[in-house]
Amino acid sequence: MERRDWSLKALDRLIYVDSHDDDTRASLLLNWCNEYLDDNFLDKLHLDTDDLKKFHELFYKNINFLKEHTESIRKELNITKDLRKFYQ
């Protein structure tokens, strides 16, 4: 039962994180990963089929979000570097 409670809490937190805007979501995802993801994460995860499907969808949705967010930040940094070179 303890594993199930932990798993449901992880799912609920992931649902909560997913409901935020992009900048807040990125920092909350970092906190979520630090709290829940470790070497034996899959061993601790215990969800029924429907909850596991939700978790799977949210997990990969947020991985893709982080990839896009990282790319967006990289582009913004490149623009800032170009502007800095222009003004020097």
C-alpha atoms as a PDB file:
ATOM      1  CA  MET A   1       0.000   0.000   0.000  1.00  0.00           C
ATOM      2  CA  GLU A   2       2.908   2.338   0.701  1.00  0.00           C
ATOM      3  CA  ARG A   3       4.205   1.949  -2.867  1.00  0.00           C
ATOM      4  CA  ARG A   4       0.725   2.620  -4.222  1.00  0.00           C
ATOM      5  CA  ASP A   5       0.363   5.792  -2.129  1.00  0.00           C
ATOM      6  CA  TRP A   6       3.804   6.994  -3.236  1.00  0.00           C
ATOM      7  CA  SER A   7       2.910   6.274  -6.867  1.00  0.00           C
ATOM      8  CA  LEU A   8      -0.424   8.088  -6.670  1.00  0.00           C
ATOM      9  CA  LYS A   9       1.274  11.067  -5.031  1.00  0.00           C
ATOM     10  CA  ALA A  10       3.854  11.150  -7.855  1.00  0.00           C
ATOM     11  CA  LEU A  11       1.047  11.019 -10.434  1.00  0.00           C
ATOM     12  CA  ASP A  12      -0.948  13.755  -8.681  1.00  0.00           C
ATOM     13  CA  ARG A  13       2.102  15.999  -8.491  1.00  0.00           C
ATOM     14  CA  LEU A  14       2.799  15.404 -12.189  1.00  0.00           C
ATOM     15  CA  ILE A  15      -0.787  16.358 -13.036  1.00  0.00           C
ATOM     16  CA  TYR A  16      -0.372  19.495 -10.910  1.00  0.00           C
ATOM     17  CA  VAL A  17       2.910  20.396 -12.625  1.00  0.00           C
ATOM     18  CA  ASP A  18       1.352  19.898 -16.049  1.00  0.00           C
ATOM     19  CA  SER A  19      -1.341  22.474 -15.279  1.00  0.00           C
ATOM     20  CA  HIS A  20       1.105  25.413 -15.026  1.00  0.00           C
ATOM     21  CA  ASP A  21       2.432  27.845 -17.620  1.00  0.00           C
ATOM     22  CA  ASP A  22       5.757  27.111 -19.327  1.00  0.00           C
ATOM     23  CA  ASP A  23       8.300  28.845 -17.085  1.00  0.00           C
ATOM     24  CA  THR A  24       6.736  27.670 -13.851  1.00  0.00           C
ATOM     25  CA  ARG A  25       6.193  24.220 -15.310  1.00  0.00           C
ATOM     26  CA  ALA A  26       9.863  23.824 -16.160  1.00  0.00           C
ATOM     27  CA  SER A  27      11.008  24.632 -12.636  1.00  0.00           C
ATOM     28  CA  LEU A  28       8.290  22.454 -11.079  1.00  0.00           C
ATOM     29  CA  LEU A  29       9.329  19.571 -13.336  1.00  0.00           C
ATOM     30  CA  LEU A  30      12.869  19.925 -12.082  1.00  0.00           C
ATOM     31  CA  ASN A  31      11.612  19.698  -8.506  1.00  0.00           C
ATOM     32  CA  TRP A  32       9.414  16.717  -9.397  1.00  0.00           C
ATOM     33  CA  CYS A  33      12.341  14.885 -10.978  1.00  0.00           C
ATOM     34  CA  ASN A  34      14.579  15.554  -7.997  1.00  0.00           C
ATOM     35  CA  GLU A  35      11.929  14.243  -5.625  1.00  0.00           C
ATOM     36  CA  TYR A  36      10.657  11.179  -7.503  1.00  0.00           C
ATOM     37  CA  LEU A  37      13.166  10.045 -10.123  1.00  0.00           C
ATOM     38  CA  ASP A  38      15.976   7.908  -8.813  1.00  0.00           C
ATOM     39  CA  ASP A  39      17.709   4.676  -9.757  1.00  0.00           C
ATOM     40  CA  ASN A  40      14.902   2.437  -8.521  1.00  0.00           C
ATOM     41  CA  PHE A  41      11.982   4.601  -9.684  1.00  0.00           C
ATOM     42  CA  LEU A  42      10.446   1.834 -11.800  1.00  0.00           C
ATOM     43  CA  ASP A  43      10.671  -0.642  -8.929  1.00  0.00           C
ATOM     44  CA  LYS A  44       8.723   1.716  -6.670  1.00  0.00           C
ATOM     45  CA  LEU A  45       6.052   2.612  -9.238  1.00  0.00           C
ATOM     46  CA  HIS A  46       2.801   0.724  -8.590  1.00  0.00           C
ATOM     47  CA  LEU A  47      -0.253   1.973 -10.488  1.00  0.00           C
ATOM     48  CA  ASP A  48      -3.288   0.331 -12.018  1.00  0.00           C
ATOM     49  CA  THR A  49      -3.658   0.306 -15.791  1.00  0.00           C
ATOM     50  CA  ASP A  50      -5.642   3.552 -16.140  1.00  0.00           C
ATOM     51  CA  ASP A  51      -3.365   5.497 -13.814  1.00  0.00           C
ATOM     52  CA  LEU A  52      -0.292   4.057 -15.488  1.00  0.00           C
ATOM     53  CA  LYS A  53      -1.603   5.187 -18.867  1.00  0.00           C
ATOM     54  CA  LYS A  54      -2.150   8.735 -17.499  1.00  0.00           C
ATOM     55  CA  PHE A  55       1.297   8.697 -15.958  1.00  0.00           C
ATOM     56  CA  HIS A  56       2.871   7.486 -19.205  1.00  0.00           C
ATOM     57  CA  GLU A  57       1.163  10.183 -21.269  1.00  0.00           C
ATOM     58  CA  LEU A  58       2.074  12.971 -18.858  1.00  0.00           C
ATOM     59  CA  PHE A  59       5.633  11.757 -18.408  1.00  0.00           C
ATOM     60  CA  TYR A  60       6.407  11.727 -22.125  1.00  0.00           C
ATOM     61  CA  LYS A  61       4.420  14.897 -22.764  1.00  0.00           C
ATOM     62  CA  ASN A  62       6.608  16.664 -20.213  1.00  0.00           C
ATOM     63  CA  ILE A  63       9.807  15.194 -21.645  1.00  0.00           C
ATOM     64  CA  ASN A  64       8.845  16.667 -25.009  1.00  0.00           C
ATOM     65  CA  PHE A  65       7.933  19.953 -23.338  1.00  0.00           C
ATOM     66  CA  LEU A  66      11.373  20.130 -21.713  1.00  0.00           C
ATOM     67  CA  LYS A  67      13.078  19.445 -25.046  1.00  0.00           C
ATOM     68  CA  GLU A  68      11.116  22.262 -26.692  1.00  0.00           C
ATOM     69  CA  HIS A  69      11.660  24.585 -23.731  1.00  0.00           C
ATOM     70  CA  THR A  70      15.403  23.925 -23.797  1.00  0.00           C
ATOM     71  CA  GLU A  71      15.522  24.655 -27.523  1.00  0.00           C
ATOM     72  CA  SER A  72      13.576  27.872 -27.001  1.00  0.00           C
ATOM     73  CA  ILE A  73      15.992  29.022 -24.291  1.00  0.00           C
ATOM     74  CA  ARG A  74      18.967  28.116 -26.501  1.00  0.00           C
ATOM     75  CA  LYS A  75      17.561  30.261 -29.332  1.00  0.00           C
ATOM     76  CA  GLU A  76      16.970  33.177 -26.959  1.00  0.00           C
ATOM     77  CA  LEU A  77      20.541  32.919 -25.687  1.00  0.00           C
ATOM     78  CA  ASN A  78      21.891  32.945 -29.233  1.00  0.00           C
ATOM     79  CA  ILE A  79      19.865  36.059 -30.038  1.00  0.00           C
ATOM     80  CA  THR A  80      21.192  37.727 -26.884  1.00  0.00           C
ATOM     81  CA  LYS A  81      24.772  36.818 -27.841  1.00  0.00           C
ATOM     82  CA  ASP A  82      24.251  38.236 -31.329  1.00  0.00           C
ATOM     83  CA  LEU A  83      22.831  41.461 -29.920  1.00  0.00           C
ATOM     84  CA  ARG A  84      25.730  41.738 -27.492  1.00  0.00           C
ATOM     85  CA  LYS A  85      28.228  41.327 -30.363  1.00  0.00           C
ATOM     86  CA  PHE A  86      26.373  43.947 -32.399  1.00  0.00           C
ATOM     87  CA  TYR A  87      26.496  46.529 -29.613  1.00  0.00           C
ATOM     88  CA  GLN A  88      30.161  46.003 -28.744  1.00  0.00           C
END
